[in-house]
Amino acid sequence: MSSALATSPALHQPLAGKAAFVTGGARGIGAAIVRRLARDGAAVAFTYSSSAAPAQALVAAIEAAGGRALALQADSADAVALTQAVDRAARELGRLDILVNNAGVAVAGVLDSFALADFDHTLNVNVRAVFVATQAAVRHMGQGGAYGRVITIGSTNSDRVPWPGFSVYGMSKAAIVGLTKGLARDLGPRGITVNNVQPGPVNTDMNPADGPMAGDMHGLMALDRHAHPDEIAGMVAYLAGPEASMVTGASLLIDGGFAA
């Protein structure tokens, strides 16, 4: 490898000149994705619902490192607010190349007592918001060159639901598998790829590696540990980058063998 190639900025920042939008980007997996896309050179806008302080701290950290970030308050369950956030991001960043549908909710409960309001909220955030954000984002993609990436954070529970109480959550994530395949067909002629990342247990505030269910989860896995959010962000970064230009319609497990 020549020294010029070894030091090429494209190798270190493959997303330089690109703009990304991440839903639910202030904490956990979303924040790791925002940091990774910014590190790879993208300008990143992200939404938050109630985590204003972490959102602003993340923006400050990215800007201190020489990147560009924009935090927008928007509830993914609110289709109008979400669409407006996408449009504002495209306007302020000057373009939009990458959408990461990360925001999600997990409400557990057995059938007999599961509230219809919780059912509706799960679908609104985990499924409808993915459609709404994608519909809004692709209007801004492919301008000035056929480049577009849509990436959704699904779940290994679309393939395996080993405990009672997670049927609605599993259903919502299984719906993403079908939506991903269909959107890949719809958007392929426009040079836009659509993929689904399916994590297993990830060490976040919502699902800590030392939580009460961790042992049961690890017992079902080939690798008996939680993933780090940065590991999920690494797969997202690959799908967002130029090397994944032939990957579309895929649901990729990153679950330590949970569904194996």
C-alpha atoms as a PDB file:
ATOM      1  CA  MET A   1       0.000   0.000   0.000  1.00  0.00           C
ATOM      2  CA  SER A   2       1.390   3.396  -0.963  1.00  0.00           C
ATOM      3  CA  SER A   3       1.961   5.995   1.720  1.00  0.00           C
ATOM      4  CA  ALA A   4      -0.523   8.293  -0.037  1.00  0.00           C
ATOM      5  CA  LEU A   5      -3.233   5.639   0.146  1.00  0.00           C
ATOM      6  CA  ALA A   6      -2.377   4.761   3.723  1.00  0.00           C
ATOM      7  CA  THR A   7      -2.910   8.352   4.800  1.00  0.00           C
ATOM      8  CA  SER A   8      -5.916   9.065   2.600  1.00  0.00           C
ATOM      9  CA  PRO A   9      -8.635  10.958   4.511  1.00  0.00           C
ATOM     10  CA  ALA A  10     -11.245   8.665   2.941  1.00  0.00           C
ATOM     11  CA  LEU A  11      -9.820   5.738   4.899  1.00  0.00           C
ATOM     12  CA  HIS A  12     -10.186   7.569   8.196  1.00  0.00           C
ATOM     13  CA  GLN A  13     -13.379   9.485   7.456  1.00  0.00           C
ATOM     14  CA  PRO A  14     -15.349   7.495   4.883  1.00  0.00           C
ATOM     15  CA  LEU A  15     -18.442   9.647   5.508  1.00  0.00           C
ATOM     16  CA  ALA A  16     -16.755  13.011   4.967  1.00  0.00           C
ATOM     17  CA  GLY A  17     -19.156  15.362   3.192  1.00  0.00           C
ATOM     18  CA  LYS A  18     -22.202  13.285   4.125  1.00  0.00           C
ATOM     19  CA  ALA A  19     -25.082  14.285   6.407  1.00  0.00           C
ATOM     20  CA  ALA A  20     -26.918  11.882   8.710  1.00  0.00           C
ATOM     21  CA  PHE A  21     -30.120  11.938  10.737  1.00  0.00           C
ATOM     22  CA  VAL A  22     -30.516   9.632  13.759  1.00  0.00           C
ATOM     23  CA  THR A  23     -33.721   9.232  15.743  1.00  0.00           C
ATOM     24  CA  GLY A  24     -33.353   8.803  19.496  1.00  0.00           C
ATOM     25  CA  GLY A  25     -29.698   9.786  19.443  1.00  0.00           C
ATOM     26  CA  ALA A  26     -29.103  11.276  22.889  1.00  0.00           C
ATOM     27  CA  ARG A  27     -28.482   8.108  24.881  1.00  0.00           C
ATOM     28  CA  GLY A  28     -27.459   4.463  24.666  1.00  0.00           C
ATOM     29  CA  ILE A  29     -27.122   2.872  21.245  1.00  0.00           C
ATOM     30  CA  GLY A  30     -28.310   6.054  19.543  1.00  0.00           C
ATOM     31  CA  ALA A  31     -25.600   8.197  21.124  1.00  0.00           C
ATOM     32  CA  ALA A  32     -22.942   5.638  20.162  1.00  0.00           C
ATOM     33  CA  ILE A  33     -24.197   5.771  16.561  1.00  0.00           C
ATOM     34  CA  VAL A  34     -24.131   9.576  16.525  1.00  0.00           C
ATOM     35  CA  ARG A  35     -20.565   9.615  17.857  1.00  0.00           C
ATOM     36  CA  ARG A  36     -19.391   7.002  15.347  1.00  0.00           C
ATOM     37  CA  LEU A  37     -20.955   8.679  12.312  1.00  0.00           C
ATOM     38  CA  ALA A  38     -19.453  12.002  13.385  1.00  0.00           C
ATOM     39  CA  ARG A  39     -16.060  10.355  13.901  1.00  0.00           C
ATOM     40  CA  ASP A  40     -16.326   8.969  10.371  1.00  0.00           C
ATOM     41  CA  GLY A  41     -16.795  12.483   9.026  1.00  0.00           C
ATOM     42  CA  ALA A  42     -20.561  12.937   8.742  1.00  0.00           C
ATOM     43  CA  ALA A  43     -22.455  15.961   9.976  1.00  0.00           C
ATOM     44  CA  VAL A  44     -25.097  14.452  12.254  1.00  0.00           C
ATOM     45  CA  ALA A  45     -28.511  15.666  13.330  1.00  0.00           C
ATOM     46  CA  PHE A  46     -30.341  13.620  15.924  1.00  0.00           C
ATOM     47  CA  THR A  47     -33.589  13.706  17.832  1.00  0.00           C
ATOM     48  CA  TYR A  48     -34.295  13.389  21.503  1.00  0.00           C
ATOM     49  CA  SER A  49     -37.564  13.311  23.378  1.00  0.00           C
ATOM     50  CA  SER A  50     -36.797  14.286  26.979  1.00  0.00           C
ATOM     51  CA  SER A  51     -33.007  13.914  27.384  1.00  0.00           C
ATOM     52  CA  ALA A  52     -32.130  17.552  26.696  1.00  0.00           C
ATOM     53  CA  ALA A  53     -28.999  17.702  28.858  1.00  0.00           C
ATOM     54  CA  PRO A  54     -27.374  14.539  27.423  1.00  0.00           C
ATOM     55  CA  ALA A  55     -28.295  15.725  23.920  1.00  0.00           C
ATOM     56  CA  GLN A  56     -26.563  19.079  24.338  1.00  0.00           C
ATOM     57  CA  ALA A  57     -23.554  17.423  25.986  1.00  0.00           C
ATOM     58  CA  LEU A  58     -23.231  15.111  22.982  1.00  0.00           C
ATOM     59  CA  VAL A  59     -23.379  18.043  20.573  1.00  0.00           C
ATOM     60  CA  ALA A  60     -20.705  19.859  22.587  1.00  0.00           C
ATOM     61  CA  ALA A  61     -18.427  16.802  22.598  1.00  0.00           C
ATOM     62  CA  ILE A  62     -18.709  16.328  18.837  1.00  0.00           C
ATOM     63  CA  GLU A  63     -18.090  20.005  18.133  1.00  0.00           C
ATOM     64  CA  ALA A  64     -15.098  20.015  20.481  1.00  0.00           C
ATOM     65  CA  ALA A  65     -13.616  17.217  18.385  1.00  0.00           C
ATOM     66  CA  GLY A  66     -14.085  19.240  15.195  1.00  0.00           C
ATOM     67  CA  GLY A  67     -17.345  17.682  14.031  1.00  0.00           C
ATOM     68  CA  ARG A  68     -20.789  19.070  13.400  1.00  0.00           C
ATOM     69  CA  ALA A  69     -23.922  17.995  15.260  1.00  0.00           C
ATOM     70  CA  LEU A  70     -27.458  19.235  15.720  1.00  0.00           C
ATOM     71  CA  ALA A  71     -29.883  18.118  18.441  1.00  0.00           C
ATOM     72  CA  LEU A  72     -33.604  18.412  17.696  1.00  0.00           C
ATOM     73  CA  GLN A  73     -36.396  17.707  20.153  1.00  0.00           C
ATOM     74  CA  ALA A  74     -39.022  15.467  18.558  1.00  0.00           C
ATOM     75  CA  ASP A  75     -41.111  12.573  19.825  1.00  0.00           C
ATOM     76  CA  SER A  76     -40.956   9.754  17.288  1.00  0.00           C
ATOM     77  CA  ALA A  77     -44.576   8.913  18.084  1.00  0.00           C
ATOM     78  CA  ASP A  78     -45.544  12.328  16.683  1.00  0.00           C
ATOM     79  CA  ALA A  79     -45.487  11.985  12.905  1.00  0.00           C
ATOM     80  CA  VAL A  80     -45.703  15.742  12.277  1.00  0.00           C
ATOM     81  CA  ALA A  81     -42.864  16.585  14.681  1.00  0.00           C
ATOM     82  CA  LEU A  82     -40.682  13.815  13.275  1.00  0.00           C
ATOM     83  CA  THR A  83     -41.212  14.921   9.684  1.00  0.00           C
ATOM     84  CA  GLN A  84     -40.459  18.521  10.606  1.00  0.00           C
ATOM     85  CA  ALA A  85     -37.239  17.436  12.339  1.00  0.00           C
ATOM     86  CA  VAL A  86     -36.075  15.542   9.244  1.00  0.00           C
ATOM     87  CA  ASP A  87     -36.819  18.509   7.013  1.00  0.00           C
ATOM     88  CA  ARG A  88     -35.064  20.931   9.373  1.00  0.00           C
ATOM     89  CA  ALA A  89     -31.990  18.703   9.534  1.00  0.00           C
ATOM     90  CA  ALA A  90     -31.773  18.544   5.737  1.00  0.00           C
ATOM     91  CA  ARG A  91     -32.194  22.307   5.532  1.00  0.00           C
ATOM     92  CA  GLU A  92     -29.593  23.179   8.187  1.00  0.00           C
ATOM     93  CA  LEU A  93     -27.053  20.557   7.109  1.00  0.00           C
ATOM     94  CA  GLY A  94     -27.577  21.327   3.433  1.00  0.00           C
ATOM     95  CA  ARG A  95     -28.308  17.732   2.452  1.00  0.00           C
ATOM     96  CA  LEU A  96     -29.271  14.339   3.843  1.00  0.00           C
ATOM     97  CA  ASP A  97     -27.578  11.081   2.899  1.00  0.00           C
ATOM     98  CA  ILE A  98     -28.065   8.725   5.839  1.00  0.00           C
ATOM     99  CA  LEU A  99     -31.080   7.939   8.013  1.00  0.00           C
ATOM    100  CA  VAL A 100     -30.764   5.786  11.118  1.00  0.00           C
ATOM    101  CA  ASN A 101     -34.104   4.807  12.643  1.00  0.00           C
ATOM    102  CA  ASN A 102     -32.905   4.098  16.166  1.00  0.00           C
ATOM    103  CA  ALA A 103     -35.704   5.298  18.460  1.00  0.00           C
ATOM    104  CA  GLY A 104     -37.670   2.449  19.980  1.00  0.00           C
ATOM    105  CA  VAL A 105     -39.717   1.376  22.978  1.00  0.00           C
ATOM    106  CA  ALA A 106     -40.090  -1.940  24.756  1.00  0.00           C
ATOM    107  CA  VAL A 107     -43.234  -2.542  26.779  1.00  0.00           C
ATOM    108  CA  ALA A 108     -43.539  -6.009  28.287  1.00  0.00           C
ATOM    109  CA  GLY A 109     -46.766  -7.607  29.446  1.00  0.00           C
ATOM    110  CA  VAL A 110     -48.777 -10.784  29.133  1.00  0.00           C
ATOM    111  CA  LEU A 111     -51.729 -10.898  26.768  1.00  0.00           C
ATOM    112  CA  ASP A 112     -54.504 -10.787  29.366  1.00  0.00           C
ATOM    113  CA  SER A 113     -53.322  -7.498  30.846  1.00  0.00           C
ATOM    114  CA  PHE A 114     -51.572  -5.775  27.945  1.00  0.00           C
ATOM    115  CA  ALA A 115     -53.100  -2.319  27.468  1.00  0.00           C
ATOM    116  CA  LEU A 116     -54.248  -1.331  23.995  1.00  0.00           C
ATOM    117  CA  ALA A 117     -52.618   2.071  24.529  1.00  0.00           C
ATOM    118  CA  ASP A 118     -49.260   0.338  25.038  1.00  0.00           C
ATOM    119  CA  PHE A 119     -49.874  -1.742  21.905  1.00  0.00           C
ATOM    120  CA  ASP A 120     -50.558   1.402  19.869  1.00  0.00           C
ATOM    121  CA  HIS A 121     -47.569   3.263  21.320  1.00  0.00           C
ATOM    122  CA  THR A 122     -45.242   0.345  20.521  1.00  0.00           C
ATOM    123  CA  LEU A 123     -46.363   0.278  16.904  1.00  0.00           C
ATOM    124  CA  ASN A 124     -46.288   4.065  16.594  1.00  0.00           C
ATOM    125  CA  VAL A 125     -42.656   4.292  17.690  1.00  0.00           C
ATOM    126  CA  ASN A 126     -41.198   0.991  16.492  1.00  0.00           C
ATOM    127  CA  VAL A 127     -42.963   0.730  13.125  1.00  0.00           C
ATOM    128  CA  ARG A 128     -44.911   3.805  12.054  1.00  0.00           C
ATOM    129  CA  ALA A 129     -42.084   6.208  12.952  1.00  0.00           C
ATOM    130  CA  VAL A 130     -39.688   4.182  10.795  1.00  0.00           C
ATOM    131  CA  PHE A 131     -42.025   4.602   7.839  1.00  0.00           C
ATOM    132  CA  VAL A 132     -42.615   8.299   8.571  1.00  0.00           C
ATOM    133  CA  ALA A 133     -38.924   9.160   8.960  1.00  0.00           C
ATOM    134  CA  THR A 134     -37.968   7.156   5.876  1.00  0.00           C
ATOM    135  CA  GLN A 135     -40.676   8.777   3.786  1.00  0.00           C
ATOM    136  CA  ALA A 136     -39.474  12.219   4.876  1.00  0.00           C
ATOM    137  CA  ALA A 137     -35.761  11.484   4.565  1.00  0.00           C
ATOM    138  CA  VAL A 138     -35.717   9.972   1.085  1.00  0.00           C
ATOM    139  CA  ARG A 139     -37.181  13.169  -0.328  1.00  0.00           C
ATOM    140  CA  HIS A 140     -33.782  14.714   0.413  1.00  0.00           C
ATOM    141  CA  MET A 141     -31.572  11.800  -0.677  1.00  0.00           C
ATOM    142  CA  GLY A 142     -29.869  11.238  -3.987  1.00  0.00           C
ATOM    143  CA  GLN A 143     -29.639  14.919  -4.812  1.00  0.00           C
ATOM    144  CA  GLY A 144     -26.375  15.684  -6.557  1.00  0.00           C
ATOM    145  CA  GLY A 145     -25.487  12.009  -6.764  1.00  0.00           C
ATOM    146  CA  ALA A 146     -27.139   8.663  -6.134  1.00  0.00           C
ATOM    147  CA  TYR A 147     -26.203   8.057  -2.497  1.00  0.00           C
ATOM    148  CA  GLY A 148     -28.627   7.146   0.226  1.00  0.00           C
ATOM    149  CA  ARG A 149     -28.635   4.870   3.242  1.00  0.00           C
ATOM    150  CA  VAL A 150     -31.603   3.909   5.422  1.00  0.00           C
ATOM    151  CA  ILE A 151     -30.708   1.819   8.468  1.00  0.00           C
ATOM    152  CA  THR A 152     -33.139   0.693  11.157  1.00  0.00           C
ATOM    153  CA  ILE A 153     -32.251  -0.690  14.559  1.00  0.00           C
ATOM    154  CA  GLY A 154     -34.427  -3.764  14.934  1.00  0.00           C
ATOM    155  CA  SER A 155     -33.939  -6.602  17.393  1.00  0.00           C
ATOM    156  CA  THR A 156     -32.955 -10.237  17.599  1.00  0.00           C
ATOM    157  CA  ASN A 157     -36.415 -10.689  19.129  1.00  0.00           C
ATOM    158  CA  SER A 158     -37.830 -10.586  15.617  1.00  0.00           C
ATOM    159  CA  ASP A 159     -36.305 -14.073  15.277  1.00  0.00           C
ATOM    160  CA  ARG A 160     -36.518 -15.369  18.825  1.00  0.00           C
ATOM    161  CA  VAL A 161     -38.775 -14.457  21.762  1.00  0.00           C
ATOM    162  CA  PRO A 162     -37.721 -16.839  24.546  1.00  0.00           C
ATOM    163  CA  TRP A 163     -39.779 -15.348  27.393  1.00  0.00           C
ATOM    164  CA  PRO A 164     -43.468 -14.552  27.863  1.00  0.00           C
ATOM    165  CA  GLY A 165     -44.540 -10.933  27.782  1.00  0.00           C
ATOM    166  CA  PHE A 166     -42.583  -9.792  24.732  1.00  0.00           C
ATOM    167  CA  SER A 167     -45.007 -10.759  21.975  1.00  0.00           C
ATOM    168  CA  VAL A 168     -45.948  -7.210  20.984  1.00  0.00           C
ATOM    169  CA  TYR A 169     -42.340  -6.025  21.037  1.00  0.00           C
ATOM    170  CA  GLY A 170     -41.262  -9.038  18.968  1.00  0.00           C
ATOM    171  CA  MET A 171     -44.072  -8.393  16.501  1.00  0.00           C
ATOM    172  CA  SER A 172     -43.040  -4.751  16.078  1.00  0.00           C
ATOM    173  CA  LYS A 173     -39.463  -5.747  15.319  1.00  0.00           C
ATOM    174  CA  ALA A 174     -40.545  -8.526  12.960  1.00  0.00           C
ATOM    175  CA  ALA A 175     -42.539  -5.936  11.022  1.00  0.00           C
ATOM    176  CA  ILE A 176     -39.276  -4.081  10.383  1.00  0.00           C
ATOM    177  CA  VAL A 177     -37.900  -7.139   8.580  1.00  0.00           C
ATOM    178  CA  GLY A 178     -40.714  -7.033   6.030  1.00  0.00           C
ATOM    179  CA  LEU A 179     -40.642  -3.252   5.738  1.00  0.00           C
ATOM    180  CA  THR A 180     -36.889  -3.335   5.106  1.00  0.00           C
ATOM    181  CA  LYS A 181     -37.242  -5.836   2.284  1.00  0.00           C
ATOM    182  CA  GLY A 182     -40.068  -3.901   0.656  1.00  0.00           C
ATOM    183  CA  LEU A 183     -38.364  -0.526   0.941  1.00  0.00           C
ATOM    184  CA  ALA A 184     -35.160  -1.977  -0.505  1.00  0.00           C
ATOM    185  CA  ARG A 185     -37.142  -2.857  -3.648  1.00  0.00           C
ATOM    186  CA  ASP A 186     -38.871   0.533  -3.719  1.00  0.00           C
ATOM    187  CA  LEU A 187     -35.720   2.600  -3.277  1.00  0.00           C
ATOM    188  CA  GLY A 188     -33.091   0.513  -5.069  1.00  0.00           C
ATOM    189  CA  PRO A 189     -33.661   2.232  -8.434  1.00  0.00           C
ATOM    190  CA  ARG A 190     -32.797   5.523  -6.716  1.00  0.00           C
ATOM    191  CA  GLY A 191     -29.467   4.250  -5.400  1.00  0.00           C
ATOM    192  CA  ILE A 192     -30.737   4.094  -1.812  1.00  0.00           C
ATOM    193  CA  THR A 193     -29.997   1.011   0.270  1.00  0.00           C
ATOM    194  CA  VAL A 194     -32.227  -0.106   3.149  1.00  0.00           C
ATOM    195  CA  ASN A 195     -31.040  -2.415   5.922  1.00  0.00           C
ATOM    196  CA  ASN A 196     -31.993  -3.623   9.384  1.00  0.00           C
ATOM    197  CA  VAL A 197     -29.525  -4.123  12.257  1.00  0.00           C
ATOM    198  CA  GLN A 198     -30.779  -6.606  14.859  1.00  0.00           C
ATOM    199  CA  PRO A 199     -28.936  -6.357  18.189  1.00  0.00           C
ATOM    200  CA  GLY A 200     -29.247  -8.745  21.072  1.00  0.00           C
ATOM    201  CA  PRO A 201     -28.599  -7.619  24.656  1.00  0.00           C
ATOM    202  CA  VAL A 202     -26.670  -4.338  24.708  1.00  0.00           C
ATOM    203  CA  ASN A 203     -25.246  -2.707  27.801  1.00  0.00           C
ATOM    204  CA  THR A 204     -27.342   0.451  28.195  1.00  0.00           C
ATOM    205  CA  ASP A 205     -29.315   2.116  30.969  1.00  0.00           C
ATOM    206  CA  MET A 206     -32.411   0.245  29.775  1.00  0.00           C
ATOM    207  CA  ASN A 207     -30.715  -3.161  29.731  1.00  0.00           C
ATOM    208  CA  PRO A 208     -27.561  -3.115  31.900  1.00  0.00           C
ATOM    209  CA  ALA A 209     -25.042  -5.929  31.714  1.00  0.00           C
ATOM    210  CA  ASP A 210     -25.458  -6.471  35.462  1.00  0.00           C
ATOM    211  CA  GLY A 211     -29.263  -6.277  35.424  1.00  0.00           C
ATOM    212  CA  PRO A 212     -31.583  -8.906  36.922  1.00  0.00           C
ATOM    213  CA  MET A 213     -32.182 -10.650  33.571  1.00  0.00           C
ATOM    214  CA  ALA A 214     -28.582 -10.588  32.354  1.00  0.00           C
ATOM    215  CA  GLY A 215     -27.771 -14.115  33.496  1.00  0.00           C
ATOM    216  CA  ASP A 216     -30.823 -15.568  31.756  1.00  0.00           C
ATOM    217  CA  MET A 217     -29.959 -13.700  28.560  1.00  0.00           C
ATOM    218  CA  HIS A 218     -26.338 -14.856  28.593  1.00  0.00           C
ATOM    219  CA  GLY A 219     -27.451 -18.434  29.084  1.00  0.00           C
ATOM    220  CA  LEU A 220     -29.188 -18.285  25.706  1.00  0.00           C
ATOM    221  CA  MET A 221     -26.189 -16.879  23.861  1.00  0.00           C
ATOM    222  CA  ALA A 222     -23.099 -18.352  22.205  1.00  0.00           C
ATOM    223  CA  LEU A 223     -21.124 -15.376  23.568  1.00  0.00           C
ATOM    224  CA  ASP A 224     -22.206 -14.911  27.168  1.00  0.00           C
ATOM    225  CA  ARG A 225     -22.020 -11.149  27.458  1.00  0.00           C
ATOM    226  CA  HIS A 226     -23.845  -7.978  26.560  1.00  0.00           C
ATOM    227  CA  ALA A 227     -22.661  -6.048  23.519  1.00  0.00           C
ATOM    228  CA  HIS A 228     -21.170  -2.596  23.934  1.00  0.00           C
ATOM    229  CA  PRO A 229     -23.146   0.149  22.145  1.00  0.00           C
ATOM    230  CA  ASP A 230     -20.037   0.930  20.085  1.00  0.00           C
ATOM    231  CA  GLU A 231     -20.223  -2.557  18.561  1.00  0.00           C
ATOM    232  CA  ILE A 232     -23.702  -1.833  17.250  1.00  0.00           C
ATOM    233  CA  ALA A 233     -22.520   1.558  16.006  1.00  0.00           C
ATOM    234  CA  GLY A 234     -19.702  -0.159  14.123  1.00  0.00           C
ATOM    235  CA  MET A 235     -22.149  -2.244  12.095  1.00  0.00           C
ATOM    236  CA  VAL A 236     -24.268   0.832  11.404  1.00  0.00           C
ATOM    237  CA  ALA A 237     -21.169   2.718  10.245  1.00  0.00           C
ATOM    238  CA  TYR A 238     -20.333  -0.079   7.822  1.00  0.00           C
ATOM    239  CA  LEU A 239     -23.837  -0.048   6.338  1.00  0.00           C
ATOM    240  CA  ALA A 240     -23.727   3.751   6.110  1.00  0.00           C
ATOM    241  CA  GLY A 241     -20.407   3.738   4.297  1.00  0.00           C
ATOM    242  CA  PRO A 242     -19.335   3.245   0.688  1.00  0.00           C
ATOM    243  CA  GLU A 243     -18.159  -0.349   1.193  1.00  0.00           C
ATOM    244  CA  ALA A 244     -21.752  -1.513   1.803  1.00  0.00           C
ATOM    245  CA  SER A 245     -23.118  -0.243  -1.497  1.00  0.00           C
ATOM    246  CA  MET A 246     -24.302  -3.749  -2.509  1.00  0.00           C
ATOM    247  CA  VAL A 247     -25.947  -4.576   0.826  1.00  0.00           C
ATOM    248  CA  THR A 248     -29.684  -3.909   0.817  1.00  0.00           C
ATOM    249  CA  GLY A 249     -32.840  -5.572   2.076  1.00  0.00           C
ATOM    250  CA  ALA A 250     -30.772  -7.337   4.740  1.00  0.00           C
ATOM    251  CA  SER A 251     -31.518  -8.001   8.402  1.00  0.00           C
ATOM    252  CA  LEU A 252     -28.163  -8.453  10.110  1.00  0.00           C
ATOM    253  CA  LEU A 253     -27.920 -10.058  13.533  1.00  0.00           C
ATOM    254  CA  ILE A 254     -25.382  -8.730  16.027  1.00  0.00           C
ATOM    255  CA  ASP A 255     -26.602 -10.686  19.040  1.00  0.00           C
ATOM    256  CA  GLY A 256     -23.789 -12.914  20.265  1.00  0.00           C
ATOM    257  CA  GLY A 257     -25.599 -15.963  18.941  1.00  0.00           C
ATOM    258  CA  PHE A 258     -28.857 -15.263  20.822  1.00  0.00           C
ATOM    259  CA  ALA A 259     -30.907 -16.382  17.809  1.00  0.00           C
ATOM    260  CA  ALA A 260     -28.512 -19.155  16.705  1.00  0.00           C
END
